[in-house]
N, C-alpha and C. Protein backbone atom coordinates (compact mmCIF):
# COMPACT_ATOMS: atom_id res chain seq x y z
N UNK A 1 1.09 -2.99 -23.09
CA UNK A 1 1.47 -2.47 -21.86
C UNK A 1 0.54 -2.24 -20.73
N UNK A 2 0.79 -2.67 -19.70
CA UNK A 2 -0.20 -2.36 -18.68
C UNK A 2 -0.27 -0.99 -18.09
N UNK A 3 -1.38 -0.28 -18.06
CA UNK A 3 -1.43 1.13 -17.46
C UNK A 3 -1.60 0.97 -15.94
N UNK A 4 -1.68 2.21 -15.40
CA UNK A 4 -1.84 2.20 -14.19
C UNK A 4 -3.57 1.97 -13.66
N UNK A 5 -3.70 1.80 -12.54
CA UNK A 5 -5.28 1.42 -12.27
C UNK A 5 -6.34 2.41 -12.63
N UNK A 6 -5.70 3.48 -12.01
CA UNK A 6 -6.70 4.83 -12.05
C UNK A 6 -6.09 5.95 -12.73
N UNK A 7 -6.45 6.53 -13.67
CA UNK A 7 -5.79 7.83 -14.00
C UNK A 7 -6.36 8.89 -13.29
N UNK A 8 -5.71 9.99 -13.39
CA UNK A 8 -5.69 11.10 -12.66
C UNK A 8 -7.25 11.50 -12.51
N UNK A 9 -8.02 11.18 -13.56
CA UNK A 9 -9.51 11.46 -13.74
C UNK A 9 -10.45 10.67 -12.92
N UNK A 10 -9.77 9.57 -12.24
CA UNK A 10 -10.48 8.59 -11.82
C UNK A 10 -10.92 7.46 -12.57
N UNK A 11 -10.43 7.24 -13.84
CA UNK A 11 -11.07 6.32 -14.64
C UNK A 11 -9.84 5.20 -14.95
N UNK A 12 -10.32 4.06 -14.95
CA UNK A 12 -9.45 2.93 -15.60
C UNK A 12 -8.55 3.25 -16.65
N UNK A 13 -7.49 2.81 -16.60
CA UNK A 13 -6.27 3.19 -17.63
C UNK A 13 -7.05 2.50 -19.20
N UNK A 14 -5.90 2.18 -20.00
CA UNK A 14 -6.42 1.75 -21.29
C UNK A 14 -6.51 0.30 -21.09
N UNK A 15 -6.21 -0.51 -20.39
CA UNK A 15 -6.32 -1.89 -20.08
C UNK A 15 -7.93 -2.27 -19.84
N UNK A 16 -8.49 -3.25 -19.90
CA UNK A 16 -9.92 -3.55 -19.38
C UNK A 16 -10.13 -4.06 -17.94
N UNK A 17 -8.65 -4.86 -17.33
CA UNK A 17 -8.50 -5.70 -16.43
C UNK A 17 -7.32 -5.26 -15.41
N UNK A 18 -7.35 -5.36 -14.22
CA UNK A 18 -6.24 -5.22 -13.54
C UNK A 18 -5.75 -6.38 -12.79
N UNK A 19 -4.79 -6.71 -12.11
CA UNK A 19 -4.50 -7.66 -11.11
C UNK A 19 -4.22 -7.20 -9.60
N UNK A 20 -4.79 -7.25 -8.71
CA UNK A 20 -4.76 -6.72 -7.17
C UNK A 20 -4.08 -8.03 -6.45
N UNK A 21 -2.79 -7.47 -5.69
CA UNK A 21 -2.54 -8.48 -4.52
C UNK A 21 -3.42 -7.74 -3.17
N UNK A 22 -3.90 -8.30 -2.56
CA UNK A 22 -4.78 -7.89 -1.48
C UNK A 22 -4.33 -8.10 -0.13
N UNK A 23 -4.08 -7.28 0.84
CA UNK A 23 -3.70 -7.41 2.08
C UNK A 23 -4.53 -6.70 3.01
N UNK A 24 -4.43 -7.31 4.28
CA UNK A 24 -5.20 -6.97 5.31
C UNK A 24 -4.48 -5.97 6.45
N UNK A 25 -5.23 -5.12 6.84
CA UNK A 25 -4.63 -3.91 8.01
C UNK A 25 -5.89 -3.63 8.53
N UNK A 26 -5.66 -3.51 9.98
CA UNK A 26 -6.96 -3.16 10.79
C UNK A 26 -8.11 -3.59 10.28
N UNK A 27 -8.46 -4.60 9.87
CA UNK A 27 -9.85 -5.38 9.31
C UNK A 27 -10.26 -5.07 8.19
N UNK A 28 -9.15 -4.08 7.29
CA UNK A 28 -9.51 -3.75 5.81
C UNK A 28 -8.73 -4.25 4.85
N UNK A 29 -9.33 -4.54 3.65
CA UNK A 29 -8.70 -5.43 2.69
C UNK A 29 -8.05 -4.00 1.70
N UNK A 30 -6.88 -4.10 1.57
CA UNK A 30 -6.37 -3.12 0.48
C UNK A 30 -5.63 -3.88 -0.40
N UNK A 31 -5.95 -3.21 -1.81
CA UNK A 31 -5.23 -3.89 -2.75
C UNK A 31 -4.13 -3.03 -3.40
N UNK A 32 -3.13 -3.73 -4.21
CA UNK A 32 -1.64 -2.89 -4.82
C UNK A 32 -1.80 -3.74 -6.13
N UNK A 33 -1.71 -3.02 -7.02
CA UNK A 33 -1.44 -3.51 -8.52
C UNK A 33 -0.36 -4.41 -8.50
N UNK A 34 -0.17 -5.71 -8.91
CA UNK A 34 0.92 -6.34 -8.81
C UNK A 34 1.99 -6.25 -9.53
N UNK A 35 1.88 -5.33 -10.57
CA UNK A 35 2.96 -4.92 -11.46
C UNK A 35 3.81 -4.03 -10.53
N UNK A 36 3.64 -3.60 -9.21
CA UNK A 36 4.35 -2.75 -8.54
C UNK A 36 5.09 -3.70 -7.14
N UNK A 37 4.60 -5.06 -7.11
CA UNK A 37 5.17 -5.56 -6.22
C UNK A 37 6.31 -6.63 -6.76
N UNK A 38 7.44 -6.59 -6.31
CA UNK A 38 8.59 -7.44 -6.50
C UNK A 38 8.49 -8.81 -5.80
N UNK A 39 8.04 -8.84 -4.53
CA UNK A 39 7.83 -10.18 -4.04
C UNK A 39 6.90 -10.02 -2.60
N UNK A 40 6.63 -10.99 -2.05
CA UNK A 40 5.91 -10.78 -0.62
C UNK A 40 6.85 -11.67 0.21
N UNK A 41 7.31 -11.34 1.36
CA UNK A 41 8.10 -12.41 2.22
C UNK A 41 7.62 -12.48 3.70
N UNK A 42 7.64 -13.42 4.42
CA UNK A 42 7.55 -13.54 5.75
C UNK A 42 7.86 -12.24 6.64
N UNK A 43 7.32 -11.85 7.50
CA UNK A 43 7.75 -10.79 8.23
C UNK A 43 9.28 -11.20 8.97
N UNK A 44 10.03 -10.24 9.17
CA UNK A 44 11.26 -10.50 9.82
C UNK A 44 11.61 -9.37 10.68
N UNK A 45 12.60 -9.46 11.71
CA UNK A 45 13.04 -8.55 12.40
C UNK A 45 13.54 -7.29 11.69
N UNK A 46 13.08 -6.19 12.17
CA UNK A 46 13.21 -4.59 11.35
C UNK A 46 14.30 -3.95 12.45
N UNK A 47 15.60 -3.71 11.75
CA UNK A 47 16.47 -2.82 12.40
C UNK A 47 16.02 -1.47 12.57
N UNK A 48 16.14 -0.79 13.69
CA UNK A 48 15.60 0.37 13.47
C UNK A 48 16.75 1.60 13.04
N UNK A 49 16.32 2.52 12.14
CA UNK A 49 17.06 3.46 11.54
C UNK A 49 17.08 4.79 12.33
N UNK A 50 18.37 4.87 13.10
CA UNK A 50 18.05 6.30 13.91
C UNK A 50 17.86 7.47 13.10
N UNK A 51 17.02 8.38 13.66
CA UNK A 51 16.70 9.64 13.22
C UNK A 51 15.86 9.50 11.89
N UNK A 52 15.54 8.62 11.58
CA UNK A 52 14.65 8.16 10.38
C UNK A 52 13.10 8.78 10.53
N UNK A 53 12.58 9.27 9.28
CA UNK A 53 11.13 10.03 9.64
C UNK A 53 10.41 8.81 10.16
N UNK A 54 9.47 9.37 10.83
CA UNK A 54 8.67 8.74 12.00
C UNK A 54 8.28 7.14 11.02
N UNK A 55 7.43 7.37 9.92
CA UNK A 55 6.89 6.35 9.41
C UNK A 55 7.82 5.08 9.00
N UNK A 56 9.03 5.54 8.88
CA UNK A 56 10.16 4.26 8.46
C UNK A 56 10.35 3.40 9.81
N UNK A 57 10.00 2.44 9.62
CA UNK A 57 9.94 1.21 10.97
C UNK A 57 11.37 0.95 11.13
N UNK A 58 12.15 0.83 10.16
CA UNK A 58 13.43 0.44 9.97
C UNK A 58 13.90 -0.02 8.51
N UNK A 59 14.52 -1.07 8.70
CA UNK A 59 15.28 -1.69 7.45
C UNK A 59 15.54 -2.95 7.56
N UNK A 60 15.26 -3.71 6.47
CA UNK A 60 15.66 -5.22 6.70
C UNK A 60 16.76 -5.39 5.35
N UNK A 61 17.49 -6.74 5.42
CA UNK A 61 18.47 -7.01 4.61
C UNK A 61 17.99 -8.18 3.85
N UNK A 62 17.41 -7.77 2.59
CA UNK A 62 16.86 -9.06 1.76
C UNK A 62 17.69 -9.24 0.71
N UNK A 63 18.43 -10.27 0.61
CA UNK A 63 18.84 -10.95 -0.44
C UNK A 63 20.19 -9.89 -1.07
N UNK A 64 20.89 -9.27 0.22
CA UNK A 64 21.81 -8.25 -0.16
C UNK A 64 21.53 -7.02 -0.16
N UNK A 65 20.29 -6.77 -0.32
CA UNK A 65 19.70 -5.24 -0.24
C UNK A 65 19.23 -4.82 0.83
N UNK A 66 19.56 -3.67 1.37
CA UNK A 66 18.81 -3.13 2.51
C UNK A 66 17.80 -2.34 2.13
N UNK A 67 16.41 -2.64 2.64
CA UNK A 67 15.11 -2.10 2.37
C UNK A 67 14.29 -1.57 3.32
N UNK A 68 14.03 -0.16 3.43
CA UNK A 68 13.17 0.37 4.27
C UNK A 68 11.71 -0.26 4.52
N UNK A 69 11.43 -0.45 5.83
CA UNK A 69 10.03 -0.96 5.74
C UNK A 69 9.02 0.10 6.48
N UNK A 70 7.96 0.14 6.06
CA UNK A 70 7.03 1.20 6.64
C UNK A 70 5.86 0.19 6.88
N UNK A 71 5.04 0.55 8.03
CA UNK A 71 3.94 -0.21 8.59
C UNK A 71 2.62 0.13 7.84
N UNK A 72 2.05 -0.50 7.30
CA UNK A 72 0.62 -0.09 6.57
C UNK A 72 -0.11 0.41 7.74
N UNK A 73 -0.67 -0.20 8.63
CA UNK A 73 -1.38 0.50 9.69
C UNK A 73 -1.01 1.96 10.09
N UNK A 74 0.20 2.08 10.57
CA UNK A 74 0.92 3.11 10.74
C UNK A 74 0.69 3.99 9.91
N UNK A 75 1.10 3.69 8.55
CA UNK A 75 1.07 4.96 7.45
C UNK A 75 -0.46 5.35 7.15
N UNK A 76 -1.35 4.50 7.74
CA UNK A 76 -2.64 4.69 7.19
C UNK A 76 -3.35 5.84 8.53
N UNK A 77 -2.55 5.74 9.50
CA UNK A 77 -3.04 6.65 10.61
C UNK A 77 -3.41 5.89 11.81
N UNK A 78 -3.05 4.60 11.82
CA UNK A 78 -3.30 3.69 12.75
C UNK A 78 -1.99 3.13 13.77
N UNK A 79 -2.22 2.41 14.48
CA UNK A 79 -1.67 1.81 15.61
C UNK A 79 -0.73 0.75 14.63
N UNK A 80 0.34 0.42 15.00
CA UNK A 80 1.38 -0.53 14.33
C UNK A 80 0.61 -1.96 14.56
N UNK A 81 0.85 -2.59 13.50
CA UNK A 81 0.47 -3.87 13.19
C UNK A 81 0.89 -4.82 14.32
N UNK A 82 0.08 -5.53 14.84
CA UNK A 82 1.01 -6.82 15.71
C UNK A 82 1.30 -7.76 14.66
N UNK A 83 2.75 -8.14 15.41
CA UNK A 83 3.46 -9.28 14.79
C UNK A 83 2.97 -10.50 14.88
N UNK A 84 2.41 -11.27 13.70
CA UNK A 84 1.86 -12.64 14.04
C UNK A 84 2.51 -13.48 13.10
N UNK A 85 1.99 -14.79 12.92
CA UNK A 85 2.56 -15.71 12.01
C UNK A 85 2.21 -15.38 10.65
N UNK A 86 1.07 -14.80 10.38
CA UNK A 86 0.66 -14.18 9.26
C UNK A 86 1.11 -12.99 8.65
N UNK A 87 1.90 -12.11 9.49
CA UNK A 87 2.47 -10.93 8.89
C UNK A 87 3.51 -10.98 7.78
N UNK A 88 3.18 -10.26 6.95
CA UNK A 88 4.20 -10.11 5.71
C UNK A 88 4.56 -8.70 5.36
N UNK A 89 5.89 -9.01 4.48
CA UNK A 89 6.42 -7.64 4.16
C UNK A 89 6.36 -7.66 2.41
N UNK A 90 5.59 -6.99 1.91
CA UNK A 90 5.46 -6.95 0.50
C UNK A 90 6.51 -6.03 0.22
N UNK A 91 7.32 -6.59 -0.98
CA UNK A 91 8.38 -5.32 -1.24
C UNK A 91 8.09 -5.10 -2.48
N UNK A 92 7.83 -3.53 -2.61
CA UNK A 92 7.33 -2.76 -3.62
C UNK A 92 8.43 -1.62 -4.40
N UNK A 93 7.85 -1.72 -5.83
CA UNK A 93 8.76 -0.68 -6.25
C UNK A 93 7.84 0.38 -6.52
N UNK A 94 8.23 1.76 -5.91
CA UNK A 94 7.53 2.74 -6.24
C UNK A 94 8.31 3.78 -6.51
N UNK A 95 7.97 4.78 -7.72
CA UNK A 95 8.68 5.71 -8.13
C UNK A 95 10.15 5.56 -8.20
N UNK A 96 10.70 4.36 -8.71
CA UNK A 96 12.31 3.86 -8.69
C UNK A 96 12.55 3.31 -7.42
N UNK A 97 11.92 3.48 -6.52
CA UNK A 97 12.75 3.07 -5.04
C UNK A 97 12.07 1.72 -4.72
N UNK A 98 12.95 0.95 -3.75
CA UNK A 98 12.22 -0.27 -3.33
C UNK A 98 11.96 -0.17 -1.96
N UNK A 99 10.67 -0.16 -1.49
CA UNK A 99 10.25 -0.17 -0.15
C UNK A 99 9.25 -1.40 0.14
N UNK A 100 9.63 -1.77 1.48
CA UNK A 100 9.01 -3.08 2.11
C UNK A 100 7.55 -2.16 2.90
N UNK A 101 6.71 -3.11 2.68
CA UNK A 101 5.18 -2.61 3.41
C UNK A 101 4.95 -3.71 4.37
N UNK A 102 4.89 -3.54 5.50
CA UNK A 102 4.60 -4.96 6.56
C UNK A 102 3.01 -4.82 6.71
N UNK A 103 2.35 -5.58 6.59
CA UNK A 103 0.83 -5.71 6.52
C UNK A 103 0.43 -7.13 7.48
N UNK A 104 -0.69 -6.97 8.00
CA UNK A 104 -0.87 -8.05 9.04
C UNK A 104 -1.08 -9.40 8.15
N UNK A 105 -1.47 -9.54 6.84
CA UNK A 105 -1.65 -10.76 6.15
C UNK A 105 -1.89 -10.50 4.61
N UNK A 106 -1.24 -11.26 3.90
CA UNK A 106 -1.60 -11.38 2.45
C UNK A 106 -2.82 -12.18 2.28
N UNK A 107 -3.83 -11.75 1.67
CA UNK A 107 -5.30 -12.64 1.52
C UNK A 107 -5.50 -13.12 0.27
N UNK A 108 -5.27 -12.25 -0.84
CA UNK A 108 -5.91 -12.91 -1.97
C UNK A 108 -5.20 -12.25 -3.28
N UNK A 109 -5.21 -12.71 -4.28
CA UNK A 109 -4.87 -12.14 -5.73
C UNK A 109 -6.00 -12.12 -6.32
N UNK A 110 -6.53 -11.01 -6.86
CA UNK A 110 -7.60 -10.36 -7.36
C UNK A 110 -7.65 -10.02 -8.73
N UNK A 111 -8.33 -10.46 -9.57
CA UNK A 111 -8.28 -10.21 -10.87
C UNK A 111 -9.52 -9.35 -11.35
N UNK A 112 -9.54 -7.97 -11.50
CA UNK A 112 -10.44 -6.97 -11.26
C UNK A 112 -10.69 -6.56 -12.64
N UNK A 113 -12.05 -6.46 -13.25
CA UNK A 113 -12.42 -6.04 -14.60
C UNK A 113 -12.93 -4.53 -13.90
N UNK A 114 -12.65 -3.77 -15.30
CA UNK A 114 -12.70 -2.20 -14.96
C UNK A 114 -14.38 -1.74 -14.66
N UNK A 115 -15.16 -2.76 -14.99
CA UNK A 115 -16.69 -2.10 -14.53
C UNK A 115 -16.76 -2.47 -13.00
N UNK A 116 -15.69 -3.05 -12.33
CA UNK A 116 -15.97 -3.25 -10.82
C UNK A 116 -15.16 -2.07 -10.21
N UNK A 117 -14.51 -1.10 -10.87
CA UNK A 117 -13.68 -0.02 -10.13
C UNK A 117 -14.25 1.52 -10.35
N UNK A 118 -14.43 1.87 -9.17
CA UNK A 118 -14.38 3.26 -8.95
C UNK A 118 -13.55 4.36 -8.61
N UNK A 119 -13.68 5.53 -8.62
CA UNK A 119 -12.82 6.37 -8.03
C UNK A 119 -13.20 6.54 -6.64
N UNK A 120 -12.40 7.18 -5.49
CA UNK A 120 -12.99 7.36 -4.30
C UNK A 120 -14.00 8.52 -4.27
N UNK A 121 -15.02 8.70 -3.63
CA UNK A 121 -15.90 9.65 -3.65
C UNK A 121 -15.49 11.08 -3.82
N UNK A 122 -16.24 11.83 -4.42
CA UNK A 122 -15.86 13.21 -4.44
C UNK A 122 -15.65 14.10 -3.21
N UNK A 123 -16.31 13.89 -2.37
CA UNK A 123 -16.48 14.46 -1.08
C UNK A 123 -15.12 14.34 -0.40
N UNK A 124 -14.53 13.13 -0.47
CA UNK A 124 -13.01 12.75 0.03
C UNK A 124 -12.36 13.33 -0.78
N UNK A 125 -12.22 13.22 -2.07
CA UNK A 125 -11.01 13.95 -2.99
C UNK A 125 -11.14 15.31 -2.83
N UNK A 126 -12.30 15.89 -2.92
CA UNK A 126 -12.18 17.56 -2.69
C UNK A 126 -11.67 17.99 -1.38
N UNK A 127 -11.78 16.85 -0.56
CA UNK A 127 -11.36 17.30 0.99
C UNK A 127 -10.00 17.24 1.00
N UNK A 128 -9.07 16.74 0.21
CA UNK A 128 -7.66 16.44 -0.13
C UNK A 128 -7.39 15.11 0.23
N UNK A 129 -8.30 14.03 0.43
CA UNK A 129 -8.04 12.90 0.55
C UNK A 129 -7.25 12.16 -0.40
N UNK A 130 -6.21 11.18 -0.23
CA UNK A 130 -5.49 10.87 -1.63
C UNK A 130 -4.95 9.29 -1.35
N UNK A 131 -5.24 8.76 -0.08
CA UNK A 131 -4.48 7.54 0.29
C UNK A 131 -4.96 6.47 -0.56
N UNK A 132 -6.19 6.60 -1.11
CA UNK A 132 -6.81 5.29 -1.79
C UNK A 132 -7.01 5.93 -3.36
N UNK A 133 -6.41 5.44 -4.33
CA UNK A 133 -6.57 5.36 -5.83
C UNK A 133 -7.99 4.94 -6.35
N UNK A 134 -8.43 4.14 -5.94
CA UNK A 134 -9.52 3.53 -6.39
C UNK A 134 -10.07 2.42 -5.21
N UNK A 135 -11.50 2.42 -5.68
CA UNK A 135 -12.33 1.28 -4.73
C UNK A 135 -12.93 0.38 -5.70
N UNK A 136 -12.58 -1.06 -5.43
CA UNK A 136 -13.09 -2.07 -6.11
C UNK A 136 -14.36 -2.62 -5.40
N UNK A 137 -15.61 -2.83 -6.34
CA UNK A 137 -16.66 -3.24 -5.80
C UNK A 137 -16.71 -4.76 -5.92
N UNK A 138 -16.98 -5.57 -4.84
CA UNK A 138 -16.90 -7.05 -5.08
C UNK A 138 -18.47 -7.63 -4.63
N UNK A 139 -19.02 -8.49 -5.32
CA UNK A 139 -20.52 -9.00 -5.10
C UNK A 139 -20.17 -9.65 -3.43
N UNK A 140 -21.14 -9.41 -2.55
CA UNK A 140 -21.29 -9.98 -1.09
C UNK A 140 -19.91 -9.98 -0.43
N UNK A 141 -19.17 -8.94 -0.58
CA UNK A 141 -18.20 -8.59 0.42
C UNK A 141 -17.66 -7.09 0.28
N UNK A 142 -17.03 -6.61 1.51
CA UNK A 142 -16.67 -5.45 1.36
C UNK A 142 -15.66 -5.01 0.12
N UNK A 143 -15.91 -3.93 -0.12
CA UNK A 143 -14.63 -3.00 -1.23
C UNK A 143 -13.60 -3.18 -0.85
N UNK A 144 -12.52 -3.36 -1.79
CA UNK A 144 -11.28 -3.47 -1.64
C UNK A 144 -10.89 -1.90 -1.97
N UNK A 145 -10.03 -1.33 -1.10
CA UNK A 145 -9.38 0.01 -1.29
C UNK A 145 -8.18 -0.20 -1.74
N UNK A 146 -7.85 0.37 -3.25
CA UNK A 146 -6.65 0.10 -3.89
C UNK A 146 -5.88 1.22 -3.43
N UNK A 147 -4.93 1.31 -2.92
CA UNK A 147 -3.74 2.33 -2.37
C UNK A 147 -3.28 2.90 -3.24
N UNK A 148 -2.96 4.21 -2.95
CA UNK A 148 -2.10 4.90 -3.79
C UNK A 148 -0.86 5.17 -3.10
N UNK A 149 0.23 4.31 -3.61
CA UNK A 149 1.79 4.21 -3.41
C UNK A 149 2.40 5.35 -3.33
N UNK A 150 2.31 6.37 -4.30
CA UNK A 150 2.72 7.64 -4.40
C UNK A 150 2.52 8.46 -2.98
N UNK A 151 1.03 8.28 -2.44
CA UNK A 151 0.48 9.06 -1.41
C UNK A 151 1.37 8.39 -0.27
N UNK A 152 1.61 7.03 -0.25
CA UNK A 152 2.25 6.33 0.73
C UNK A 152 3.67 7.04 1.08
N UNK A 153 4.31 7.26 0.14
CA UNK A 153 5.60 7.90 0.00
C UNK A 153 5.52 9.25 0.56
N UNK A 154 4.41 10.07 -0.06
CA UNK A 154 4.41 11.49 0.55
C UNK A 154 4.16 11.47 1.88
N UNK A 155 3.39 10.46 2.57
CA UNK A 155 3.15 10.27 3.96
C UNK A 155 4.53 10.27 4.77
N UNK A 156 5.65 9.49 4.04
CA UNK A 156 6.73 9.50 4.87
C UNK A 156 7.43 10.76 4.74
N UNK A 157 7.52 11.50 3.48
CA UNK A 157 8.20 12.55 3.33
C UNK A 157 7.53 13.89 4.53
N UNK A 158 6.36 13.67 4.76
CA UNK A 158 5.46 14.56 5.63
C UNK A 158 5.92 14.54 6.86
N UNK A 159 5.98 13.01 7.43
CA UNK A 159 6.40 12.68 8.69
C UNK A 159 7.86 13.14 8.83
N UNK A 160 8.59 13.37 8.19
CA UNK A 160 9.95 13.57 8.20
C UNK A 160 9.96 15.14 8.41
N UNK A 161 9.04 15.76 8.20
CA UNK A 161 8.83 17.30 8.36
C UNK A 161 8.27 17.74 9.61
N UNK A 162 7.54 16.82 10.14
CA UNK A 162 6.72 17.01 11.54
C UNK A 162 7.50 17.01 12.76
N UNK A 163 7.39 17.92 13.59
CA UNK A 163 8.40 17.81 14.86
C UNK A 163 8.13 16.49 15.57
N UNK A 164 9.09 16.07 16.45
CA UNK A 164 9.10 14.70 17.26
C UNK A 164 8.31 15.36 18.15
N UNK A 165 7.20 14.43 19.02
CA UNK A 165 6.72 14.45 20.07
C UNK A 165 7.10 13.83 21.31
């Protein structure tokens, strides 16, 4: 059985490798464990959901299921991604829920050995930073930030509690 990418103590789980689906957002590459991805589809029109938490862009009807969609760039504190021919929606399974994550592009599937994975810097985690679960070092390329999907959901919950501006 495949374990989570990084345990709470910042160490890779029991397996020696993990496979990440890599996505681009704001010029940065982010990874998600492929075991949490149901499918990746071309972006489509999102129907706004009235009075929804700020980070929920709306919903899409995908094969008879209504799926809430989050924009990765907005979820990480940036501006919404511009819709292009490369824009995709990664359909994820997070804590028993199906969620769509709009990304600028799907860029790679990356097998990663445990020796290339580190936890986020201690300064960031001690300051309460938890958007990234792990960092993958790559020779001759920028590191890949492995997203904490649980934190992504927490961001949605927190956005529902914040007063509208």
